[in-house]
């Protein structure tokens, strides 16, 4: 993914399925090339590179 796409997703009401390492996540915030994500399948949070996120 890229910064512009993530920014678009965060500023719209549309539901998008976003994944990191085949696990569904929600994006909590972005800062340059890093996204803070929460994993939907548990309570884990992690900072990841935006380029490592993808849509299904």
PDB file of N, CA and C in Angstrom:
ATOM      1  N   UNK A   1       0.840  -1.185   0.000  1.00  0.00           N
ATOM      2  CA  UNK A   1       0.000   0.000   0.000  1.00  0.00           C
ATOM      3  C   UNK A   1       0.877   1.238   0.000  1.00  0.00           C
ATOM      4  N   UNK A   2       0.252   2.354  -0.239  1.00  0.00           N
ATOM      5  CA  UNK A   2       0.996   3.605  -0.160  1.00  0.00           C
ATOM      6  C   UNK A   2       0.266   4.591   0.756  1.00  0.00           C
ATOM      7  N   UNK A   3       0.953   5.646   1.101  1.00  0.00           N
ATOM      8  CA  UNK A   3       0.444   6.634   2.049  1.00  0.00           C
ATOM      9  C   UNK A   3      -0.875   7.241   1.579  1.00  0.00           C
ATOM     10  N   UNK A   4      -0.976   7.579   0.300  1.00  0.00           N
ATOM     11  CA  UNK A   4      -2.180   8.210  -0.221  1.00  0.00           C
ATOM     12  C   UNK A   4      -3.393   7.301  -0.083  1.00  0.00           C
ATOM     13  N   UNK A   5      -3.231   6.012  -0.369  1.00  0.00           N
ATOM     14  CA  UNK A   5      -4.350   5.074  -0.260  1.00  0.00           C
ATOM     15  C   UNK A   5      -4.803   4.929   1.197  1.00  0.00           C
ATOM     16  N   UNK A   6      -3.855   4.806   2.105  1.00  0.00           N
ATOM     17  CA  UNK A   6      -4.199   4.681   3.521  1.00  0.00           C
ATOM     18  C   UNK A   6      -4.892   5.948   4.013  1.00  0.00           C
ATOM     19  N   UNK A   7      -4.395   7.087   3.619  1.00  0.00           N
ATOM     20  CA  UNK A   7      -5.015   8.353   4.011  1.00  0.00           C
ATOM     21  C   UNK A   7      -6.447   8.427   3.479  1.00  0.00           C
ATOM     22  N   UNK A   8      -6.679   7.981   2.257  1.00  0.00           N
ATOM     23  CA  UNK A   8      -8.015   7.949   1.682  1.00  0.00           C
ATOM     24  C   UNK A   8      -8.926   7.040   2.516  1.00  0.00           C
ATOM     25  N   UNK A   9      -8.444   5.865   2.872  1.00  0.00           N
ATOM     26  CA  UNK A   9      -9.229   4.908   3.663  1.00  0.00           C
ATOM     27  C   UNK A   9      -9.587   5.506   5.022  1.00  0.00           C
ATOM     28  N   UNK A  10      -8.621   6.144   5.670  1.00  0.00           N
ATOM     29  CA  UNK A  10      -8.859   6.708   6.998  1.00  0.00           C
ATOM     30  C   UNK A  10      -9.862   7.858   6.971  1.00  0.00           C
ATOM     31  N   UNK A  11      -9.967   8.541   5.847  1.00  0.00           N
ATOM     32  CA  UNK A  11     -10.850   9.707   5.761  1.00  0.00           C
ATOM     33  C   UNK A  11     -12.182   9.421   5.074  1.00  0.00           C
ATOM     34  N   UNK A  12     -12.510   8.150   4.888  1.00  0.00           N
ATOM     35  CA  UNK A  12     -13.774   7.765   4.276  1.00  0.00           C
ATOM     36  C   UNK A  12     -14.497   6.760   5.158  1.00  0.00           C
ATOM     37  N   UNK A  13     -15.788   6.634   4.918  1.00  0.00           N
ATOM     38  CA  UNK A  13     -16.602   5.699   5.696  1.00  0.00           C
ATOM     39  C   UNK A  13     -16.641   4.305   5.087  1.00  0.00           C
ATOM     40  N   UNK A  14     -16.059   4.136   3.925  1.00  0.00           N
ATOM     41  CA  UNK A  14     -16.099   2.836   3.258  1.00  0.00           C
ATOM     42  C   UNK A  14     -15.290   1.806   4.044  1.00  0.00           C
ATOM     43  N   UNK A  15     -15.790   0.587   4.054  1.00  0.00           N
ATOM     44  CA  UNK A  15     -15.096  -0.500   4.742  1.00  0.00           C
ATOM     45  C   UNK A  15     -14.093  -1.125   3.771  1.00  0.00           C
ATOM     46  N   UNK A  16     -12.854  -1.265   4.208  1.00  0.00           N
ATOM     47  CA  UNK A  16     -11.810  -1.884   3.403  1.00  0.00           C
ATOM     48  C   UNK A  16     -11.138  -2.968   4.233  1.00  0.00           C
ATOM     49  N   UNK A  17     -10.911  -4.110   3.625  1.00  0.00           N
ATOM     50  CA  UNK A  17     -10.210  -5.197   4.302  1.00  0.00           C
ATOM     51  C   UNK A  17      -8.715  -5.023   4.082  1.00  0.00           C
ATOM     52  N   UNK A  18      -7.993  -4.761   5.174  1.00  0.00           N
ATOM     53  CA  UNK A  18      -6.552  -4.508   5.109  1.00  0.00           C
ATOM     54  C   UNK A  18      -5.838  -5.597   5.890  1.00  0.00           C
ATOM     55  N   UNK A  19      -4.716  -6.048   5.341  1.00  0.00           N
ATOM     56  CA  UNK A  19      -3.990  -7.162   5.925  1.00  0.00           C
ATOM     57  C   UNK A  19      -2.503  -6.851   6.094  1.00  0.00           C
ATOM     58  N   UNK A  20      -1.932  -7.526   7.081  1.00  0.00           N
ATOM     59  CA  UNK A  20      -0.489  -7.517   7.304  1.00  0.00           C
ATOM     60  C   UNK A  20      -0.093  -8.960   7.608  1.00  0.00           C
ATOM     61  N   UNK A  21       0.794  -9.516   6.816  1.00  0.00           N
ATOM     62  CA  UNK A  21       1.208 -10.923   6.978  1.00  0.00           C
ATOM     63  C   UNK A  21       0.008 -11.860   7.060  1.00  0.00           C
ATOM     64  N   UNK A  22      -0.944 -11.673   6.164  1.00  0.00           N
ATOM     65  CA  UNK A  22      -2.136 -12.509   6.053  1.00  0.00           C
ATOM     66  C   UNK A  22      -3.073 -12.412   7.255  1.00  0.00           C
ATOM     67  N   UNK A  23      -2.884 -11.407   8.111  1.00  0.00           N
ATOM     68  CA  UNK A  23      -3.755 -11.186   9.273  1.00  0.00           C
ATOM     69  C   UNK A  23      -4.508  -9.878   9.075  1.00  0.00           C
ATOM     70  N   UNK A  24      -5.817  -9.871   9.334  1.00  0.00           N
ATOM     71  CA  UNK A  24      -6.586  -8.635   9.178  1.00  0.00           C
ATOM     72  C   UNK A  24      -6.232  -7.619  10.264  1.00  0.00           C
ATOM     73  N   UNK A  25      -6.130  -6.367   9.847  1.00  0.00           N
ATOM     74  CA  UNK A  25      -5.773  -5.288  10.770  1.00  0.00           C
ATOM     75  C   UNK A  25      -6.667  -4.086  10.528  1.00  0.00           C
ATOM     76  N   UNK A  26      -6.693  -3.197  11.529  1.00  0.00           N
ATOM     77  CA  UNK A  26      -7.253  -1.871  11.312  1.00  0.00           C
ATOM     78  C   UNK A  26      -6.136  -0.874  11.562  1.00  0.00           C
ATOM     79  N   UNK A  27      -6.157   0.194  10.813  1.00  0.00           N
ATOM     80  CA  UNK A  27      -5.110   1.210  10.912  1.00  0.00           C
ATOM     81  C   UNK A  27      -5.542   2.232  11.952  1.00  0.00           C
ATOM     82  N   UNK A  28      -4.701   2.415  12.961  1.00  0.00           N
ATOM     83  CA  UNK A  28      -5.013   3.364  14.024  1.00  0.00           C
ATOM     84  C   UNK A  28      -4.464   4.748  13.708  1.00  0.00           C
ATOM     85  N   UNK A  29      -3.258   4.799  13.152  1.00  0.00           N
ATOM     86  CA  UNK A  29      -2.667   6.084  12.765  1.00  0.00           C
ATOM     87  C   UNK A  29      -1.510   5.837  11.813  1.00  0.00           C
ATOM     88  N   UNK A  30      -1.133   6.892  11.108  1.00  0.00           N
ATOM     89  CA  UNK A  30       0.020   6.809  10.206  1.00  0.00           C
ATOM     90  C   UNK A  30       0.964   7.963  10.490  1.00  0.00           C
ATOM     91  N   UNK A  31       2.243   7.703  10.274  1.00  0.00           N
ATOM     92  CA  UNK A  31       3.275   8.700  10.480  1.00  0.00           C
ATOM     93  C   UNK A  31       4.379   8.435   9.464  1.00  0.00           C
ATOM     94  N   UNK A  32       4.401   9.231   8.406  1.00  0.00           N
ATOM     95  CA  UNK A  32       5.357   9.067   7.305  1.00  0.00           C
ATOM     96  C   UNK A  32       5.188   7.695   6.681  1.00  0.00           C
ATOM     97  N   UNK A  33       6.143   6.790   6.855  1.00  0.00           N
ATOM     98  CA  UNK A  33       6.056   5.470   6.221  1.00  0.00           C
ATOM     99  C   UNK A  33       5.710   4.359   7.209  1.00  0.00           C
ATOM    100  N   UNK A  34       5.262   4.733   8.413  1.00  0.00           N
ATOM    101  CA  UNK A  34       4.916   3.762   9.451  1.00  0.00           C
ATOM    102  C   UNK A  34       3.420   3.876   9.775  1.00  0.00           C
ATOM    103  N   UNK A  35       2.771   2.731   9.928  1.00  0.00           N
ATOM    104  CA  UNK A  35       1.376   2.689  10.344  1.00  0.00           C
ATOM    105  C   UNK A  35       1.284   1.930  11.655  1.00  0.00           C
ATOM    106  N   UNK A  36       0.516   2.468  12.589  1.00  0.00           N
ATOM    107  CA  UNK A  36       0.221   1.742  13.817  1.00  0.00           C
ATOM    108  C   UNK A  36      -1.060   0.978  13.547  1.00  0.00           C
ATOM    109  N   UNK A  37      -0.985  -0.345  13.654  1.00  0.00           N
ATOM    110  CA  UNK A  37      -2.142  -1.182  13.354  1.00  0.00           C
ATOM    111  C   UNK A  37      -2.534  -2.003  14.573  1.00  0.00           C
ATOM    112  N   UNK A  38      -3.795  -2.354  14.611  1.00  0.00           N
ATOM    113  CA  UNK A  38      -4.309  -3.291  15.591  1.00  0.00           C
ATOM    114  C   UNK A  38      -4.771  -4.527  14.853  1.00  0.00           C
ATOM    115  N   UNK A  39      -4.482  -5.682  15.403  1.00  0.00           N
ATOM    116  CA  UNK A  39      -4.882  -6.930  14.759  1.00  0.00           C
ATOM    117  C   UNK A  39      -6.307  -7.276  15.173  1.00  0.00           C
ATOM    118  N   UNK A  40      -7.138  -7.617  14.213  1.00  0.00           N
ATOM    119  CA  UNK A  40      -8.536  -7.902  14.469  1.00  0.00           C
ATOM    120  C   UNK A  40      -8.711  -9.221  15.219  1.00  0.00           C
ATOM    121  N   UNK A  41      -7.781 -10.163  15.023  1.00  0.00           N
ATOM    122  CA  UNK A  41      -7.939 -11.485  15.642  1.00  0.00           C
ATOM    123  C   UNK A  41      -7.443 -11.565  17.086  1.00  0.00           C
ATOM    124  N   UNK A  42      -6.847 -10.488  17.617  1.00  0.00           N
ATOM    125  CA  UNK A  42      -6.463 -10.433  19.034  1.00  0.00           C
ATOM    126  C   UNK A  42      -6.229  -8.975  19.426  1.00  0.00           C
ATOM    127  N   UNK A  43      -5.676  -8.740  20.588  1.00  0.00           N
ATOM    128  CA  UNK A  43      -5.499  -7.366  21.070  1.00  0.00           C
ATOM    129  C   UNK A  43      -4.109  -6.803  20.788  1.00  0.00           C
ATOM    130  N   UNK A  44      -3.357  -7.450  19.950  1.00  0.00           N
ATOM    131  CA  UNK A  44      -1.990  -7.029  19.639  1.00  0.00           C
ATOM    132  C   UNK A  44      -2.004  -5.753  18.789  1.00  0.00           C
ATOM    133  N   UNK A  45      -1.053  -4.877  19.067  1.00  0.00           N
ATOM    134  CA  UNK A  45      -0.818  -3.678  18.258  1.00  0.00           C
ATOM    135  C   UNK A  45       0.626  -3.708  17.800  1.00  0.00           C
ATOM    136  N   UNK A  46       0.885  -3.095  16.650  1.00  0.00           N
ATOM    137  CA  UNK A  46       2.240  -3.131  16.110  1.00  0.00           C
ATOM    138  C   UNK A  46       2.440  -1.957  15.159  1.00  0.00           C
ATOM    139  N   UNK A  47       3.656  -1.439  15.119  1.00  0.00           N
ATOM    140  CA  UNK A  47       4.037  -0.456  14.118  1.00  0.00           C
ATOM    141  C   UNK A  47       4.646  -1.208  12.945  1.00  0.00           C
ATOM    142  N   UNK A  48       4.108  -0.960  11.743  1.00  0.00           N
ATOM    143  CA  UNK A  48       4.566  -1.673  10.549  1.00  0.00           C
ATOM    144  C   UNK A  48       4.818  -0.669   9.433  1.00  0.00           C
ATOM    145  N   UNK A  49       5.577  -1.086   8.453  1.00  0.00           N
ATOM    146  CA  UNK A  49       5.793  -0.257   7.275  1.00  0.00           C
ATOM    147  C   UNK A  49       4.523  -0.231   6.437  1.00  0.00           C
ATOM    148  N   UNK A  50       4.156   0.930   5.966  1.00  0.00           N
ATOM    149  CA  UNK A  50       2.972   1.076   5.140  1.00  0.00           C
ATOM    150  C   UNK A  50       3.052   0.179   3.920  1.00  0.00           C
ATOM    151  N   UNK A  51       4.220   0.043   3.345  1.00  0.00           N
ATOM    152  CA  UNK A  51       4.369  -0.770   2.128  1.00  0.00           C
ATOM    153  C   UNK A  51       4.088  -2.242   2.366  1.00  0.00           C
ATOM    154  N   UNK A  52       4.087  -2.682   3.627  1.00  0.00           N
ATOM    155  CA  UNK A  52       3.822  -4.084   3.949  1.00  0.00           C
ATOM    156  C   UNK A  52       2.339  -4.382   4.160  1.00  0.00           C
ATOM    157  N   UNK A  53       1.492  -3.369   4.102  1.00  0.00           N
ATOM    158  CA  UNK A  53       0.052  -3.562   4.226  1.00  0.00           C
ATOM    159  C   UNK A  53      -0.536  -3.772   2.831  1.00  0.00           C
ATOM    160  N   UNK A  54      -1.613  -4.539   2.774  1.00  0.00           N
ATOM    161  CA  UNK A  54      -2.263  -4.757   1.476  1.00  0.00           C
ATOM    162  C   UNK A  54      -3.753  -4.991   1.662  1.00  0.00           C
ATOM    163  N   UNK A  55      -4.484  -4.761   0.568  1.00  0.00           N
ATOM    164  CA  UNK A  55      -5.917  -4.999   0.552  1.00  0.00           C
ATOM    165  C   UNK A  55      -6.186  -6.333  -0.125  1.00  0.00           C
ATOM    166  N   UNK A  56      -7.279  -6.958   0.285  1.00  0.00           N
ATOM    167  CA  UNK A  56      -7.649  -8.242  -0.328  1.00  0.00           C
ATOM    168  C   UNK A  56      -8.693  -8.016  -1.381  1.00  0.00           C
TER     169      UNK A  56
END
